[in-house]
Protein backbone atom coordinates (compact mmCIF):
# COMPACT_ATOMS: atom_id res chain seq x y z
CA MET A 1 7.32 -20.51 76.98
CA THR A 2 10.15 -20.87 74.51
CA THR A 3 13.67 -20.59 75.79
CA LYS A 4 16.60 -19.20 73.86
CA SER A 5 18.21 -22.65 73.55
CA THR A 6 14.96 -24.10 72.21
CA GLU A 7 14.69 -21.32 69.63
CA GLY A 8 18.24 -21.96 68.46
CA SER A 9 17.61 -25.68 68.23
CA SER A 10 14.35 -25.09 66.36
CA SER A 11 16.08 -22.70 63.98
CA ARG A 12 18.89 -25.20 63.34
CA SER A 13 16.47 -28.05 62.67
CA ARG A 14 14.41 -25.81 60.37
CA SER A 15 17.59 -24.94 58.46
CA GLU A 16 18.36 -28.64 58.10
CA VAL A 17 14.86 -29.30 56.78
CA MET A 18 15.06 -26.43 54.31
CA ARG A 19 18.48 -27.59 53.07
CA ALA A 20 17.03 -31.05 52.46
CA VAL A 21 14.39 -29.70 50.04
CA ARG A 22 15.39 -30.82 46.57
CA SER A 23 14.93 -29.01 43.31
CA LYS A 24 15.32 -32.15 41.17
CA ASP A 25 13.88 -35.64 41.44
CA THR A 26 11.10 -34.59 43.79
CA THR A 27 8.18 -36.93 44.39
CA PRO A 28 5.77 -34.84 42.26
CA GLU A 29 8.34 -34.68 39.45
CA ILE A 30 8.87 -38.44 39.49
CA ILE A 31 5.10 -38.97 39.38
CA VAL A 32 4.84 -36.77 36.26
CA ARG A 33 7.85 -38.47 34.66
CA ARG A 34 6.37 -41.93 35.22
CA LEU A 35 3.00 -40.90 33.82
CA ALA A 36 4.55 -39.38 30.69
CA HIS A 37 6.84 -42.37 30.17
CA ARG A 38 4.01 -44.86 30.66
CA MET A 39 2.03 -43.03 27.96
CA GLY A 40 4.97 -43.48 25.60
CA PHE A 41 6.38 -39.95 25.69
CA ARG A 42 10.16 -39.58 25.89
CA TYR A 43 11.83 -36.52 27.30
CA SER A 44 15.05 -34.94 28.48
CA LEU A 45 15.50 -33.82 32.07
CA HIS A 46 16.58 -30.46 33.48
CA CYS A 47 17.95 -28.86 30.32
CA LYS A 48 20.38 -26.27 31.62
CA ASP A 49 20.54 -24.48 28.27
CA LEU A 50 16.86 -23.45 28.49
CA PRO A 51 15.49 -20.70 30.76
CA GLY A 52 14.40 -22.08 34.12
CA ASN A 53 16.07 -25.50 33.63
CA PRO A 54 12.75 -27.17 32.73
CA ASP A 55 11.97 -30.45 34.49
CA LEU A 56 10.79 -32.35 31.38
CA VAL A 57 11.66 -31.29 27.85
CA PHE A 58 10.01 -32.94 24.85
CA VAL A 59 12.44 -31.64 22.24
CA SER A 60 10.79 -33.02 19.09
CA ARG A 61 7.42 -31.61 20.19
CA ARG A 62 8.89 -28.27 21.38
CA LYS A 63 7.01 -28.73 24.65
CA ILE A 64 8.10 -28.34 28.25
CA ILE A 65 6.62 -29.37 31.58
CA PHE A 66 7.62 -27.68 34.80
CA VAL A 67 6.69 -29.49 38.03
CA ASN A 68 6.40 -26.83 40.71
CA GLY A 69 6.02 -27.03 44.46
CA CYS A 70 2.96 -25.05 45.49
CA PHE A 71 4.61 -23.28 48.44
CA TRP A 72 7.87 -22.43 46.68
CA HIS A 73 6.22 -21.05 43.54
CA GLY A 74 3.28 -19.21 45.13
CA HIS A 75 0.44 -21.35 43.78
CA ASP A 76 -3.08 -20.21 44.70
CA CYS A 77 -4.06 -23.50 46.39
CA ALA A 78 -4.29 -24.15 50.13
CA ARG A 79 -0.73 -25.49 50.28
CA GLY A 80 0.65 -22.56 48.31
CA ALA A 81 -1.25 -19.98 50.34
CA ARG A 82 0.36 -21.06 53.63
CA GLN A 83 2.25 -18.24 55.26
CA PRO A 84 5.29 -19.06 57.38
CA LYS A 85 5.14 -17.66 60.89
CA ASP A 86 8.89 -17.34 61.33
CA ASN A 87 10.80 -14.91 59.15
CA ALA A 88 7.60 -14.20 57.21
CA GLU A 89 8.90 -11.16 55.34
CA TYR A 90 11.91 -13.10 54.05
CA TRP A 91 9.68 -15.91 52.73
CA ARG A 92 7.19 -13.52 51.13
CA ALA A 93 10.05 -11.82 49.29
CA LYS A 94 11.64 -15.16 48.32
CA ILE A 95 8.40 -16.58 46.92
CA SER A 96 7.67 -13.30 45.15
CA ARG A 97 11.10 -13.49 43.45
CA ASN A 98 10.38 -17.11 42.45
CA VAL A 99 7.04 -16.14 40.89
CA LYS A 100 8.68 -13.26 39.01
CA ARG A 101 11.51 -15.50 37.76
CA ASP A 102 9.00 -18.18 36.69
CA SER A 103 7.08 -15.57 34.70
CA GLU A 104 10.25 -14.31 33.00
CA ASN A 105 11.33 -17.87 32.13
CA LEU A 106 7.89 -18.68 30.73
CA ARG A 107 7.95 -15.59 28.53
CA ALA A 108 11.49 -16.37 27.26
CA LEU A 109 10.54 -19.97 26.45
CA GLN A 110 7.37 -18.95 24.63
CA GLU A 111 9.27 -16.33 22.64
CA ALA A 112 11.73 -19.07 21.65
CA GLY A 113 8.82 -21.15 20.29
CA TRP A 114 8.26 -23.56 23.20
CA GLN A 115 4.84 -24.51 24.57
CA VAL A 116 4.95 -24.71 28.35
CA MET A 117 2.75 -26.43 30.92
CA THR A 118 3.09 -26.26 34.69
CA VAL A 119 2.05 -29.17 36.86
CA TRP A 120 1.54 -28.17 40.48
CA GLU A 121 2.39 -30.37 43.43
CA CYS A 122 -1.28 -30.29 44.52
CA GLU A 123 -2.24 -32.01 41.23
CA THR A 124 -0.16 -35.12 41.93
CA PRO A 125 -1.94 -37.03 44.75
CA LYS A 126 -3.28 -40.48 43.80
CA ARG A 127 -6.90 -39.35 43.84
CA LYS A 128 -6.08 -36.78 41.11
CA ARG A 129 -3.84 -38.93 38.89
CA ASP A 130 -6.44 -39.65 36.20
CA ALA A 131 -7.02 -35.94 35.71
CA LEU A 132 -3.27 -35.31 35.70
CA GLU A 133 -2.72 -38.04 33.13
CA ASN A 134 -5.42 -36.52 30.91
CA LYS A 135 -3.87 -33.07 31.30
CA ILE A 136 -0.43 -34.35 30.28
CA LYS A 137 -1.79 -36.39 27.35
CA SER A 138 -3.85 -33.46 26.10
CA PHE A 139 -0.84 -31.12 26.29
CA LEU A 140 1.56 -33.49 24.54
CA THR A 141 -0.71 -34.67 21.69
């Protein structure tokens, strides 16, 4: 049985964990950056003057790569399909807003003449790196 003090402590520790989640320089993003750099592609990071502050911007190619967390951006993989047990309605609404904003940013970038690719967190484990490298190379060449 959970006591009130345990719930408060759990809620506080969950808040600390959620605050620690970064939007820049995440492990999946660094993996994508290293792959692109190793293949000889140079890029700018987090361009604030473009919709959605894209993670990697290949200005001369007019191409952009977003590196999205599956949970936060509502990906249809196992990790993205997880449903939080606590405060579930809040998280459903939050993720839904993220998906809507992502769609709006994608449309604005494409209308401005950019080609956009999304790399999902679930595509970055070591066992999938060859496929990810091929995906990036194919997109950028």
